[in-house]
Structure formats: structure tokens, C-alpha cells
Protein backbone atom coordinates (compact mmCIF):
# COMPACT_ATOMS: atom_id res chain seq x y z
CA MET A 1 0.01 0.06 0.00
CA SER A 2 1.41 3.30 -0.85
CA HIS A 3 1.03 6.57 0.96
CA THR A 4 1.81 10.02 0.84
CA ASN A 5 2.48 12.57 3.59
CA LYS A 6 0.21 15.23 2.28
CA LYS A 7 -3.70 14.37 2.39
CA TYR A 8 -6.24 16.57 0.68
CA TRP A 9 -9.78 17.65 1.63
CA TYR A 10 -12.36 19.37 -0.05
CA PRO A 11 -14.26 21.83 1.87
CA TYR A 12 -17.95 23.00 1.46
CA VAL A 13 -18.18 25.79 -0.96
CA SER A 14 -21.31 28.02 -0.38
CA PRO A 15 -23.11 29.62 -3.46
CA TYR A 16 -23.55 32.85 -1.24
CA ASP A 17 -20.04 33.08 -0.28
CA PRO A 18 -18.92 36.36 -1.14
CA CYS A 19 -15.07 35.32 -1.06
CA LYS A 20 -13.40 33.56 -3.63
CA PRO A 21 -13.59 29.67 -2.64
CA ILE A 22 -10.70 27.39 -1.90
CA THR A 23 -11.74 24.34 -3.32
CA VAL A 24 -9.15 22.05 -2.08
CA LYS A 25 -6.97 22.20 1.06
CA SER A 26 -4.11 19.82 2.15
CA TYR A 27 -2.45 19.02 5.37
CA PRO A 28 0.97 16.96 6.34
CA THR A 29 0.77 13.75 7.99
CA PRO A 30 3.90 12.70 10.05
CA PRO A 31 5.58 9.36 8.90
CA GLN A 32 5.40 7.31 12.18
CA LEU A 33 1.78 7.00 11.17
CA TYR A 34 2.90 4.60 8.56
CA MET A 35 5.17 2.72 10.49
CA GLY A 36 3.43 -0.27 12.30
CA PHE A 37 6.01 -0.40 14.99
CA GLN A 38 9.46 1.20 15.49
CA PRO A 39 12.04 -1.25 14.14
CA PRO A 40 15.10 -2.00 16.11
CA ASN A 41 18.38 -0.36 15.47
CA LEU A 42 16.81 2.42 13.44
CA ALA A 43 19.53 4.75 12.42
CA GLN A 44 20.01 7.90 14.59
CA PHE A 45 21.31 11.12 13.65
CA GLU A 46 24.89 11.62 14.28
CA THR A 47 24.84 14.24 16.93
CA PRO A 48 22.57 15.77 19.48
CA LYS A 49 22.43 19.04 17.72
CA GLN A 50 21.10 17.42 14.55
CA ALA A 51 18.41 15.69 16.46
CA LEU A 52 17.58 18.77 18.36
CA PHE A 53 17.43 20.90 15.14
CA HIS A 54 15.08 18.09 13.30
CA GLY A 55 12.93 17.54 16.77
CA THR A 56 13.56 13.75 16.50
CA LEU A 57 16.27 11.20 17.25
CA TRP A 58 15.46 9.20 14.06
CA PRO A 59 16.00 10.44 10.48
CA ALA A 60 13.42 8.25 9.27
CA LEU A 61 10.50 9.90 11.50
CA TYR A 62 11.42 13.33 10.37
CA SER A 63 9.13 15.34 7.99
CA LYS A 64 9.86 18.68 6.66
CA TYR A 65 7.31 21.18 7.40
CA ASP A 66 5.65 22.99 4.38
CA LYS A 67 5.59 26.80 5.27
CA ARG A 68 3.41 27.58 2.34
CA GLY A 69 0.17 27.09 4.24
CA ASP A 70 -2.81 24.66 3.34
CA GLU A 71 -3.59 25.75 0.29
CA THR A 72 -2.42 23.73 -2.65
């Protein structure tokens, strides 16, 4: 089963809304949702500074945050 870390949803668009509608929105999902369990001996970042910078001890669980917002 394939997965993507970005999910999409389609909000309701009212015919009476005065603003331009946003028809598709997206949101990121973390990689650990797709791991059934944490495998033993999972590779770690080399230094504590790298782990702190990325917010996790394991590169496999790191997901870069998309700063563009939730519009696609």
C-alpha cells in the first residue's frame, strides 16, 4: 500500500459566499503514522545538535514542514 505524507480535503463551498472559494486544502501527516512499529536498530542522527534541530532522534521519523500554508 502506498502512502503520501500530504492529504487533501475538499471543503464545502457555499453559493452565497462573497469570497473566492478555496476548493482544495491540504495538510501534512507525520511519517510514524505509516510505521506499524519502530524497527530495532533504527538509524539515529549523528549528533545531539542535529537531533534537536530536526525535533526527532531518528531521520526516518523526520518530516519537513511545508511553510506555504494549507492551500494547494
